[in-house]
């Protein structure tokens, strides 16, 4: 099992897909990393040699921010927006959509409101036993 940036890559997946399990690496970046390292896109993670895994690990650690470092950066950016009272920061603080989505409808899950189905309004009577 290959371990890169603290994440275990699934053995049965292709390397191109397996790398996307690391936070901060998507399909395009995965392809770019594999081209740089010279590893075949269609190879399975379980078929990678230790040398290939070390090559991937070195490229990722040297050139890209992933996992904890990237998450810290994102959180610090959001914190900065809140501190300077930017519009996006206030939206993050209130737990509302920050990227211009409409809020009159379609943001129930963000607000925490889950739609309840309407009933007849008639209360159930207690059965006497």
Foldseek 3Di string as FASTA:
>chain_A
DFAAPNDDFDQAQFQLVSVCVWAPDDNVNSVVLCVVLVHDRRHTNNPDDPVSSVSSNVCPVVPHDTDPRVVVVVVVVLVVCLVVVPQLNVCVVQQHDRPPDDDVDDPCVSNVHDDDDDDPPDDDDDDDD
